[in-house]
Amino acid sequence: MSKVIVITGAGAGLGRALAHRFAADGDTVVLLGRTLSKVQEVAGQCGGSAMAVECEISSPDSVRSAFAAIAERHPRIDVLINNAAIYEPFKVADATDDQIMQPITINLAGPILCTRSAVPLMGEGGHIFYVTSESVEVRFPMLSLYQATKAGLERFSKAMEEELEPNGIRITTVRAGQMMAEMKDWYTKPAAAVFHQEALARGLNLRERPITQMESVPGLFRALIDLPPDLHVALATLHARKGG
């Protein structure tokens, strides 16, 4: 049966790959992103009933407005995938205000705000996903804010398991490894070279670590969404592997 699937951060990367997969499977995808033109482009690629919604997930008002727009077209949603996040290595002592505040508001507060707005539109059989990171356990340098927000999100997901179980809503955390992504601005900054050097000093050679292709990952989400109602996966951990 076709599902209504809401994906945050759907304008690029994993969010876009998820949108393409679910649309190809015949689901109705609702694509949230801070840049409307990007999610509109992806919605056009998905075709059919795909819906693009501008949403700055760090803003309570923007999230409320986005989900009100969704409710006008889809009174019920089946799946929410909290995928949107920002990632930038930096040292806290050198950090700007935005470098400190944005990971907290986008990576942690954003999924909380989206959960709050999504739950009233979900019924029994609904499913909420939180995308976190291997960096919760791996000793990467210069990722203190990213690691802290992803660890906080994992703890929040556990709380939601207990809170929403009576509603019949499943909660799954997907802890993902490094994925092949578009070139980011910070890759060209001096901090990127420092990040690689400090990671190497900790025994992490980033250039030799395996990287997953974005298109390889949506199949896991598909399998988790389609689990029989008497099964549940609370945490799925993805690792890239060489020779795949």
Protein backbone atom coordinates (compact mmCIF):
# COMPACT_ATOMS: atom_id res chain seq x y z
CA MET A 1 0.00 0.00 0.00
CA SER A 2 1.31 3.44 -0.93
CA LYS A 3 2.54 5.53 1.98
CA VAL A 4 2.92 9.26 2.56
CA ILE A 5 6.57 9.77 3.47
CA VAL A 6 7.93 13.11 4.71
CA ILE A 7 11.69 13.62 4.31
CA THR A 8 13.64 16.55 5.73
CA GLY A 9 16.79 17.75 4.01
CA ALA A 10 15.41 16.34 0.76
CA GLY A 11 17.13 18.75 -1.62
CA ALA A 12 20.43 16.86 -1.79
CA GLY A 13 22.40 13.86 -0.60
CA LEU A 14 20.67 11.06 1.26
CA GLY A 15 17.36 12.93 1.41
CA ARG A 16 17.24 13.19 -2.37
CA ALA A 17 18.22 9.53 -2.78
CA LEU A 18 15.44 8.51 -0.41
CA ALA A 19 12.92 10.63 -2.29
CA HIS A 20 13.86 9.05 -5.62
CA ARG A 21 13.63 5.53 -4.20
CA PHE A 22 10.26 5.94 -2.51
CA ALA A 23 8.73 7.78 -5.47
CA ALA A 24 9.91 4.96 -7.76
CA ASP A 25 8.24 2.50 -5.38
CA GLY A 26 4.93 4.32 -5.78
CA ASP A 27 4.87 6.15 -2.46
CA THR A 28 3.84 9.79 -2.07
CA VAL A 29 6.88 11.82 -1.03
CA VAL A 30 6.79 15.16 0.77
CA LEU A 31 10.12 16.91 0.49
CA LEU A 32 11.21 19.48 3.07
CA GLY A 33 14.19 21.77 2.61
CA ARG A 34 15.39 25.23 3.48
CA THR A 35 15.89 26.13 -0.21
CA LEU A 36 12.57 25.76 -1.99
CA SER A 37 14.08 25.63 -5.48
CA LYS A 38 16.14 22.56 -4.54
CA VAL A 39 13.25 20.53 -3.20
CA GLN A 40 11.07 21.65 -6.09
CA GLU A 41 13.70 20.30 -8.48
CA VAL A 42 13.76 16.95 -6.68
CA ALA A 43 9.95 16.85 -6.59
CA GLY A 44 9.94 17.42 -10.34
CA GLN A 45 12.34 14.51 -10.78
CA CYS A 46 10.13 12.31 -8.61
CA GLY A 47 7.00 13.29 -10.53
CA GLY A 48 3.52 12.17 -9.68
CA SER A 49 2.20 13.44 -6.38
CA ALA A 50 5.53 14.60 -4.94
CA MET A 51 5.18 17.74 -2.83
CA ALA A 52 7.93 20.28 -2.13
CA VAL A 53 7.71 22.40 1.03
CA GLU A 54 10.08 25.13 2.13
CA CYS A 55 11.06 24.55 5.75
CA GLU A 56 13.82 25.82 8.01
CA ILE A 57 13.68 23.06 10.61
CA SER A 58 15.50 25.14 13.22
CA SER A 59 12.54 27.56 13.27
CA PRO A 60 9.43 26.52 15.23
CA ASP A 61 7.24 28.81 13.12
CA SER A 62 8.65 27.46 9.85
CA VAL A 63 8.08 23.86 10.96
CA ARG A 64 4.51 24.64 12.05
CA SER A 65 3.80 26.32 8.73
CA ALA A 66 5.31 23.46 6.74
CA PHE A 67 3.29 20.77 8.48
CA ALA A 68 0.12 22.85 8.22
CA ALA A 69 0.69 22.92 4.46
CA ILE A 70 1.27 19.17 4.45
CA ALA A 71 -1.94 18.57 6.44
CA GLU A 72 -3.99 20.48 3.86
CA ARG A 73 -3.05 17.92 1.22
CA HIS A 74 -2.35 14.87 3.40
CA PRO A 75 -4.46 14.62 6.57
CA ARG A 76 -2.41 11.56 7.52
CA ILE A 77 1.29 10.89 7.07
CA ASP A 78 2.78 7.44 7.50
CA VAL A 79 6.53 8.07 7.78
CA LEU A 80 8.75 10.94 8.89
CA ILE A 81 12.47 10.70 8.12
CA ASN A 82 14.48 13.26 10.08
CA ASN A 83 17.45 13.45 7.75
CA ALA A 84 18.39 17.14 7.61
CA ALA A 85 21.64 18.07 9.37
CA ILE A 86 24.73 20.21 8.97
CA TYR A 87 28.26 18.95 9.25
CA GLU A 88 31.41 21.03 9.57
CA PRO A 89 34.63 20.18 11.43
CA PHE A 90 35.96 22.97 13.63
CA LYS A 91 37.64 23.51 16.98
CA VAL A 92 35.38 24.94 19.64
CA ALA A 93 37.96 27.50 20.76
CA ASP A 94 37.99 28.93 17.24
CA ALA A 95 34.28 28.59 16.53
CA THR A 96 31.93 31.38 15.54
CA ASP A 97 28.56 31.78 17.23
CA ASP A 98 26.84 30.28 14.19
CA GLN A 99 29.14 27.25 14.14
CA ILE A 100 28.11 26.49 17.70
CA MET A 101 24.41 27.32 17.51
CA GLN A 102 23.49 25.94 14.08
CA PRO A 103 24.31 22.27 14.81
CA ILE A 104 22.27 22.48 18.00
CA THR A 105 19.23 24.09 16.38
CA ILE A 106 19.34 22.15 13.09
CA ASN A 107 20.69 18.72 14.06
CA LEU A 108 18.92 18.37 17.41
CA ALA A 109 16.11 20.91 17.84
CA GLY A 110 15.00 20.49 14.22
CA PRO A 111 14.05 16.81 14.48
CA ILE A 112 12.34 17.50 17.80
CA LEU A 113 10.24 20.26 16.24
CA CYS A 114 9.37 18.07 13.26
CA THR A 115 8.40 15.19 15.53
CA ARG A 116 6.08 17.45 17.51
CA SER A 117 4.31 18.57 14.34
CA ALA A 118 4.20 15.13 12.71
CA VAL A 119 2.75 13.09 15.56
CA PRO A 120 -0.78 14.61 15.36
CA LEU A 121 -0.87 13.59 11.68
CA MET A 122 0.19 10.00 12.42
CA GLY A 123 -1.84 7.10 13.61
CA GLU A 124 -1.16 3.51 14.53
CA GLY A 125 1.42 2.07 12.15
CA GLY A 126 3.27 5.37 11.75
CA HIS A 127 7.05 5.35 11.70
CA ILE A 128 9.57 8.05 12.65
CA PHE A 129 13.23 7.81 11.70
CA TYR A 130 16.20 9.72 13.12
CA VAL A 131 19.37 9.70 11.03
CA THR A 132 22.46 9.87 13.22
CA SER A 133 26.14 9.17 12.65
CA GLU A 134 28.98 6.76 13.30
CA SER A 135 30.76 9.74 14.84
CA VAL A 136 28.74 9.12 18.01
CA GLU A 137 31.22 6.32 18.73
CA VAL A 138 34.23 7.00 16.46
CA ARG A 139 36.88 9.36 17.86
CA PHE A 140 36.83 11.96 15.10
CA PRO A 141 38.53 15.27 15.90
CA MET A 142 36.88 18.68 15.46
CA LEU A 143 33.33 17.25 15.45
CA SER A 144 32.35 17.92 19.06
CA LEU A 145 29.11 19.76 18.22
CA TYR A 146 28.13 17.33 15.47
CA GLN A 147 28.82 14.34 17.73
CA ALA A 148 27.00 15.88 20.68
CA THR A 149 23.89 16.68 18.66
CA LYS A 150 23.76 13.24 17.06
CA ALA A 151 24.24 11.55 20.44
CA GLY A 152 21.49 13.75 21.86
CA LEU A 153 19.23 12.78 18.99
CA GLU A 154 19.80 9.10 19.72
CA ARG A 155 18.80 9.65 23.34
CA PHE A 156 15.74 11.60 22.23
CA SER A 157 14.73 8.74 19.94
CA LYS A 158 14.80 6.33 22.89
CA ALA A 159 12.52 8.65 24.83
CA MET A 160 10.15 8.81 21.86
CA GLU A 161 10.04 5.01 21.71
CA GLU A 162 8.49 4.97 25.17
CA GLU A 163 6.32 8.05 24.69
CA LEU A 164 4.81 7.04 21.36
CA GLU A 165 4.51 3.29 21.79
CA PRO A 166 0.93 3.68 23.10
CA ASN A 167 0.12 5.51 19.85
CA GLY A 168 1.34 2.56 17.80
CA ILE A 169 4.14 4.66 16.26
CA ARG A 170 7.50 2.98 15.68
CA ILE A 171 10.78 4.83 16.23
CA THR A 172 14.01 3.87 14.49
CA THR A 173 17.46 5.41 14.66
CA VAL A 174 19.65 4.84 11.61
CA ARG A 175 23.30 5.38 12.50
CA ALA A 176 25.07 5.88 9.20
CA GLY A 177 28.69 5.83 8.16
CA GLN A 178 30.38 8.11 5.67
CA MET A 179 28.56 8.49 2.36
CA MET A 180 29.68 9.88 -0.97
CA ALA A 181 28.40 13.45 -1.10
CA GLU A 182 28.55 16.52 -3.25
CA MET A 183 31.51 18.82 -2.72
CA LYS A 184 30.98 20.96 0.38
CA ASP A 185 32.42 24.44 0.80
CA TRP A 186 34.40 23.51 3.89
CA TYR A 187 36.39 20.90 1.93
CA THR A 188 38.31 23.75 0.36
CA LYS A 189 38.95 25.61 3.62
CA PRO A 190 42.17 25.36 5.65
CA ALA A 191 40.18 23.65 8.44
CA ALA A 192 39.63 20.64 6.17
CA ALA A 193 43.36 19.95 5.96
CA VAL A 194 43.68 20.30 9.74
CA PHE A 195 40.77 17.90 10.19
CA HIS A 196 42.47 15.26 8.04
CA GLN A 197 45.78 15.72 9.85
CA GLU A 198 44.28 15.45 13.31
CA ALA A 199 42.20 12.44 12.33
CA LEU A 200 45.36 10.74 11.07
CA ALA A 201 47.03 11.45 14.40
CA ARG A 202 44.19 9.52 16.04
CA GLY A 203 44.69 6.59 13.70
CA LEU A 204 41.88 7.52 11.32
CA ASN A 205 43.05 7.81 7.73
CA LEU A 206 40.01 9.45 6.16
CA ARG A 207 41.30 8.92 2.64
CA GLU A 208 41.48 5.16 3.16
CA ARG A 209 38.21 4.67 5.03
CA PRO A 210 35.49 3.09 2.85
CA ILE A 211 32.63 5.32 1.70
CA THR A 212 29.07 4.23 0.97
CA GLN A 213 27.26 5.33 -2.17
CA MET A 214 24.11 7.33 -1.39
CA GLU A 215 22.04 5.08 -3.65
CA SER A 216 23.00 2.02 -1.59
CA VAL A 217 21.30 3.27 1.57
CA PRO A 218 17.57 3.81 0.77
CA GLY A 219 17.00 0.07 0.51
CA LEU A 220 17.54 -0.25 4.25
CA PHE A 221 14.86 2.36 4.95
CA ARG A 222 12.53 0.54 2.58
CA ALA A 223 13.04 -2.73 4.44
CA LEU A 224 12.50 -1.09 7.84
CA ILE A 225 9.33 0.67 6.72
CA ASP A 226 7.94 -2.58 5.34
CA LEU A 227 8.55 -4.67 8.45
CA PRO A 228 5.53 -6.64 9.67
CA PRO A 229 3.67 -4.82 12.45
CA ASP A 230 4.88 -7.29 15.07
CA LEU A 231 8.56 -6.50 14.38
CA HIS A 232 10.62 -3.46 15.27
CA VAL A 233 14.21 -2.31 14.80
CA ALA A 234 15.16 0.42 17.27
CA LEU A 235 18.72 0.98 15.98
CA ALA A 236 20.18 0.14 12.60
CA THR A 237 23.90 0.76 12.17
CA LEU A 238 25.35 1.11 8.67
CA HIS A 239 29.05 0.67 7.90
CA ALA A 240 30.69 1.25 4.56
CA ARG A 241 32.82 -1.62 3.36
CA LYS A 242 35.57 -1.99 0.79
CA GLY A 243 35.11 -4.13 -2.26
CA GLY A 244 31.36 -3.66 -2.41
